[in-house]
């Protein structure tokens, strides 16, 4: 019998005219790209290193193969946990999500199949979600005796409390069209058009100011945790900070030059 292919995290850097784009692939395709402790530790380390690149403009996250984005956490490992190891495991999974949210640049989830449990939490931690028509979304944890936790807390902000309760309490899955209608994903396209749809998002991101995009992501993250008054004050600070370089005047002059032609 052939041995299992060793799971891993692949990172490919593409040099673009205005900076670098990183493509991160979770490669555990024989098990629907499920996340175990070793794979999560590798992911955290590689994405943390990636975030240190000053030329980085965007990250595309996907799963290997055509069946799954991330099919969930590794049930074989989950079945063997005790209280202490359960806390360690879920904290590590939170760090997988947090390292994406803490990246200074936008992260696009390229959802090519199942995004279940931990996979949906990781997708929710990304900034934009582009899904294939055959993608399936769900939070089935209650069906295997555990609650949906950590970045599942982001779901009410995306789909509202009622639909969050439906996903988490019933544990049933929804298709890509429903996910789009609910606001769980931003775009749904046929699988053979998935890369083109991701590229369209990248093209728009790369046309924007590099520093402005980083300031915008940072501000959005602040908005999630601040009351309205604090969010507005943070926005004033971000606006002023944008003028610490020549990016606003340079891009505005270029825009005005184009409109005068």
Protein backbone atom coordinates (compact mmCIF):
# COMPACT_ATOMS: atom_id res chain seq x y z
CA UNK A 1 0.00 0.00 0.00
CA UNK A 2 1.33 3.45 -0.93
CA UNK A 3 2.19 5.76 1.95
CA UNK A 4 0.14 8.90 2.51
CA UNK A 5 1.53 12.00 0.87
CA UNK A 6 2.96 14.26 3.56
CA UNK A 7 0.73 17.33 4.11
CA UNK A 8 2.34 20.72 3.65
CA UNK A 9 1.90 24.40 2.91
CA UNK A 10 3.13 25.67 -0.42
CA UNK A 11 4.01 29.36 -0.91
CA UNK A 12 4.65 30.81 -4.37
CA UNK A 13 5.64 34.45 -4.89
CA UNK A 14 4.72 36.28 -8.08
CA UNK A 15 6.47 39.53 -8.92
CA UNK A 16 4.06 42.08 -10.35
CA UNK A 17 4.76 45.58 -11.63
CA UNK A 18 3.49 47.17 -8.40
CA UNK A 19 4.65 44.54 -5.92
CA UNK A 20 4.49 40.89 -4.95
CA UNK A 21 1.50 38.55 -4.83
CA UNK A 22 1.77 35.40 -2.71
CA UNK A 23 -0.20 32.24 -3.42
CA UNK A 24 -0.51 30.01 -0.38
CA UNK A 25 -1.81 26.47 -0.87
CA UNK A 26 -2.80 24.11 1.92
CA UNK A 27 -1.80 20.73 0.53
CA UNK A 28 -3.48 17.80 2.21
CA UNK A 29 -5.68 16.92 -0.73
CA UNK A 30 -6.11 13.22 0.09
CA UNK A 31 -7.90 14.32 3.29
CA UNK A 32 -9.80 17.30 1.86
CA UNK A 33 -7.01 19.62 3.06
CA UNK A 34 -8.01 19.06 6.67
CA UNK A 35 -5.96 20.85 9.32
CA UNK A 36 -3.92 18.95 11.88
CA UNK A 37 -1.50 20.42 14.41
CA UNK A 38 1.65 19.97 12.33
CA UNK A 39 0.08 21.49 9.23
CA UNK A 40 -1.26 24.43 11.24
CA UNK A 41 2.15 25.09 12.80
CA UNK A 42 3.74 25.13 9.34
CA UNK A 43 1.04 27.47 8.05
CA UNK A 44 1.49 29.93 10.92
CA UNK A 45 5.27 30.00 10.47
CA UNK A 46 5.17 30.48 6.71
CA UNK A 47 2.46 33.13 6.66
CA UNK A 48 4.16 35.03 9.50
CA UNK A 49 7.39 35.09 7.47
CA UNK A 50 5.44 36.14 4.39
CA UNK A 51 4.00 39.08 6.27
CA UNK A 52 7.48 40.52 6.78
CA UNK A 53 7.82 41.31 3.07
CA UNK A 54 7.49 45.05 2.51
CA UNK A 55 6.78 44.51 -1.20
CA UNK A 56 3.80 42.23 -0.51
CA UNK A 57 0.55 43.52 -2.01
CA UNK A 58 -1.90 40.60 -1.63
CA UNK A 59 -2.21 36.94 -0.68
CA UNK A 60 -4.35 34.28 -2.37
CA UNK A 61 -5.19 31.32 -0.12
CA UNK A 62 -6.54 28.05 -1.50
CA UNK A 63 -6.58 24.30 -1.01
CA UNK A 64 -4.83 21.74 -3.19
CA UNK A 65 -6.89 19.88 -5.78
CA UNK A 66 -10.46 20.60 -6.84
CA UNK A 67 -12.44 19.01 -4.00
CA UNK A 68 -11.80 21.23 -1.01
CA UNK A 69 -10.64 24.61 0.19
CA UNK A 70 -10.29 23.26 3.74
CA UNK A 71 -12.57 20.39 4.68
CA UNK A 72 -12.25 21.05 8.40
CA UNK A 73 -10.01 20.09 11.28
CA UNK A 74 -8.45 16.63 11.34
CA UNK A 75 -11.11 14.45 12.98
CA UNK A 76 -8.59 11.71 13.71
CA UNK A 77 -6.66 14.14 15.89
CA UNK A 78 -9.78 15.72 17.40
CA UNK A 79 -11.08 12.30 18.50
CA UNK A 80 -7.99 11.75 20.67
CA UNK A 81 -7.94 15.08 22.55
CA UNK A 82 -8.39 15.67 26.25
CA UNK A 83 -9.25 19.01 27.88
CA UNK A 84 -5.69 20.35 27.92
CA UNK A 85 -4.84 19.23 24.40
CA UNK A 86 -8.20 20.49 23.14
CA UNK A 87 -7.31 23.97 24.38
CA UNK A 88 -3.90 23.76 22.66
CA UNK A 89 -5.43 22.55 19.41
CA UNK A 90 -8.13 25.21 19.19
CA UNK A 91 -5.70 27.95 20.18
CA UNK A 92 -3.43 26.90 17.33
CA UNK A 93 -6.38 26.96 14.93
CA UNK A 94 -7.21 30.46 16.15
CA UNK A 95 -3.63 31.50 15.38
CA UNK A 96 -4.08 30.20 11.80
CA UNK A 97 -7.01 32.59 11.43
CA UNK A 98 -5.34 35.42 13.32
CA UNK A 99 -2.18 35.36 11.21
CA UNK A 100 -4.35 35.99 8.14
CA UNK A 101 -6.29 38.79 9.81
CA UNK A 102 -3.07 40.35 11.06
CA UNK A 103 -1.40 40.40 7.66
CA UNK A 104 -0.97 44.00 6.51
CA UNK A 105 -2.32 43.19 3.04
CA UNK A 106 -5.63 41.78 1.78
CA UNK A 107 -6.11 38.01 1.70
CA UNK A 108 -8.37 36.48 -0.96
CA UNK A 109 -9.85 33.06 -0.20
CA UNK A 110 -9.99 31.03 -3.43
CA UNK A 111 -12.67 28.55 -2.39
CA UNK A 112 -12.51 25.61 -4.76
CA UNK A 113 -14.65 23.08 -2.89
CA UNK A 114 -15.62 22.18 0.68
CA UNK A 115 -15.18 24.92 3.30
CA UNK A 116 -16.41 23.23 6.45
CA UNK A 117 -15.85 23.92 10.13
CA UNK A 118 -12.27 25.12 10.50
CA UNK A 119 -12.25 25.76 6.76
CA UNK A 120 -15.14 28.17 6.98
CA UNK A 121 -13.52 29.90 9.96
CA UNK A 122 -10.34 30.37 7.92
CA UNK A 123 -12.39 31.68 4.99
CA UNK A 124 -14.16 34.13 7.32
CA UNK A 125 -10.75 35.36 8.48
CA UNK A 126 -9.84 36.32 4.90
CA UNK A 127 -10.73 39.73 3.49
CA UNK A 128 -12.43 38.58 0.30
CA UNK A 129 -13.97 35.25 -0.65
CA UNK A 130 -14.32 34.00 -4.24
CA UNK A 131 -16.01 30.61 -4.58
CA UNK A 132 -16.57 28.02 -7.27
CA UNK A 133 -20.19 27.12 -8.01
CA UNK A 134 -19.67 23.66 -6.53
CA UNK A 135 -18.30 24.91 -3.21
CA UNK A 136 -20.05 23.78 -0.04
CA UNK A 137 -20.10 25.69 3.24
CA UNK A 138 -21.00 24.52 6.72
CA UNK A 139 -20.28 24.43 10.42
CA UNK A 140 -21.07 20.81 11.34
CA UNK A 141 -19.23 20.71 14.69
CA UNK A 142 -22.34 20.12 16.83
CA UNK A 143 -22.88 16.88 14.91
CA UNK A 144 -19.58 15.53 16.24
CA UNK A 145 -20.02 16.75 19.80
CA UNK A 146 -18.23 20.10 19.86
CA UNK A 147 -19.35 23.74 19.48
CA UNK A 148 -18.26 26.02 16.66
CA UNK A 149 -15.85 28.52 18.21
CA UNK A 150 -12.98 31.00 17.62
CA UNK A 151 -13.37 32.82 14.26
CA UNK A 152 -16.92 31.53 13.88
CA UNK A 153 -17.50 34.69 15.93
CA UNK A 154 -16.90 36.62 12.68
CA UNK A 155 -19.94 35.07 11.00
CA UNK A 156 -22.64 37.35 12.48
CA UNK A 157 -20.87 40.33 10.94
CA UNK A 158 -21.01 38.63 7.54
CA UNK A 159 -24.40 36.92 7.50
CA UNK A 160 -26.31 38.16 10.56
CA UNK A 161 -27.24 36.43 13.81
CA UNK A 162 -30.17 34.41 12.50
CA UNK A 163 -28.26 32.74 9.69
CA UNK A 164 -25.27 32.22 11.99
CA UNK A 165 -27.54 30.37 14.42
CA UNK A 166 -28.91 28.32 11.53
CA UNK A 167 -25.43 27.27 10.42
CA UNK A 168 -24.07 26.57 13.90
CA UNK A 169 -27.07 25.01 15.65
CA UNK A 170 -28.39 22.86 12.80
CA UNK A 171 -24.96 21.95 11.49
CA UNK A 172 -26.27 21.75 7.93
CA UNK A 173 -24.37 22.83 4.82
CA UNK A 174 -25.29 25.42 2.21
CA UNK A 175 -24.30 25.72 -1.44
CA UNK A 176 -22.34 28.52 -3.07
CA UNK A 177 -25.39 30.36 -4.40
CA UNK A 178 -26.89 30.46 -0.91
CA UNK A 179 -23.55 31.62 0.51
CA UNK A 180 -23.52 34.46 -2.03
CA UNK A 181 -27.10 35.44 -1.24
CA UNK A 182 -26.34 35.45 2.49
CA UNK A 183 -23.17 37.54 2.06
CA UNK A 184 -20.82 34.78 3.15
CA UNK A 185 -18.86 35.10 -0.11
CA UNK A 186 -18.41 38.03 -2.47
CA UNK A 187 -18.31 36.22 -5.82
CA UNK A 188 -19.37 32.82 -7.21
CA UNK A 189 -18.12 31.59 -10.58
CA UNK A 190 -17.72 28.25 -12.38
CA UNK A 191 -14.65 26.32 -11.29
CA UNK A 192 -12.94 26.92 -14.62
CA UNK A 193 -13.42 30.66 -14.12
CA UNK A 194 -12.19 30.75 -10.53
CA UNK A 195 -8.64 31.85 -11.30
CA UNK A 196 -9.88 34.59 -13.63
CA UNK A 197 -12.23 35.90 -10.92
CA UNK A 198 -9.39 35.91 -8.37
CA UNK A 199 -7.18 37.69 -10.90
CA UNK A 200 -9.85 40.37 -11.37
CA UNK A 201 -9.77 41.02 -7.63
CA UNK A 202 -5.98 41.14 -7.68
CA UNK A 203 -5.98 43.56 -10.61
CA UNK A 204 -8.22 45.96 -8.69
CA UNK A 205 -6.09 45.67 -5.54
CA UNK A 206 -2.87 46.26 -7.46
CA UNK A 207 -4.23 49.42 -9.08
CA UNK A 208 -4.81 50.95 -5.65
CA UNK A 209 -2.16 52.65 -3.57
CA UNK A 210 -0.01 50.10 -1.77
CA UNK A 211 0.15 52.12 1.44
CA UNK A 212 -3.50 53.14 1.24
CA UNK A 213 -4.53 49.49 0.96
CA UNK A 214 -2.52 48.59 4.06
CA UNK A 215 -4.01 51.52 5.96
CA UNK A 216 -7.50 50.49 4.84
CA UNK A 217 -7.13 46.89 6.01
CA UNK A 218 -5.74 48.05 9.34
CA UNK A 219 -8.66 50.45 9.75
CA UNK A 220 -11.27 47.82 8.90
CA UNK A 221 -9.75 45.55 11.56
CA UNK A 222 -10.01 48.42 14.07
CA UNK A 223 -13.65 49.04 13.13
CA UNK A 224 -14.49 45.47 14.14
CA UNK A 225 -13.50 46.15 17.75
CA UNK A 226 -14.41 49.81 18.23
CA UNK A 227 -17.64 51.66 19.00
CA UNK A 228 -18.80 53.98 16.20
CA UNK A 229 -17.23 57.07 17.78
CA UNK A 230 -13.89 55.31 18.17
CA UNK A 231 -14.06 53.95 14.62
CA UNK A 232 -14.62 57.45 13.25
CA UNK A 233 -11.69 58.81 15.28
CA UNK A 234 -9.47 56.00 13.99
CA UNK A 235 -10.49 56.92 10.46
CA UNK A 236 -9.38 60.52 10.97
CA UNK A 237 -5.98 59.26 12.14
CA UNK A 238 -5.68 56.91 9.14
CA UNK A 239 -6.59 59.67 6.69
CA UNK A 240 -3.94 61.99 8.09
CA UNK A 241 -1.37 59.16 8.18
CA UNK A 242 -1.91 58.56 4.45
CA UNK A 243 -0.28 61.92 3.76
CA UNK A 244 2.96 60.93 5.48
CA UNK A 245 4.19 59.90 2.00
CA UNK A 246 3.58 61.29 -1.48
CA UNK A 247 1.25 58.43 -2.45
CA UNK A 248 -2.00 60.46 -2.27
CA UNK A 249 -0.72 63.44 -4.25
CA UNK A 250 1.03 61.20 -6.78
CA UNK A 251 -2.01 59.03 -7.46
CA UNK A 252 -4.41 61.98 -7.47
CA UNK A 253 -2.28 63.87 -9.98
CA UNK A 254 -2.16 60.79 -12.20
CA UNK A 255 -5.96 60.50 -11.99
CA UNK A 256 -6.44 64.18 -12.83
CA UNK A 257 -4.04 63.90 -15.76
CA UNK A 258 -6.07 61.00 -17.18
CA UNK A 259 -9.39 62.84 -16.85
CA UNK A 260 -8.03 65.91 -18.64
CA UNK A 261 -7.10 63.97 -21.76
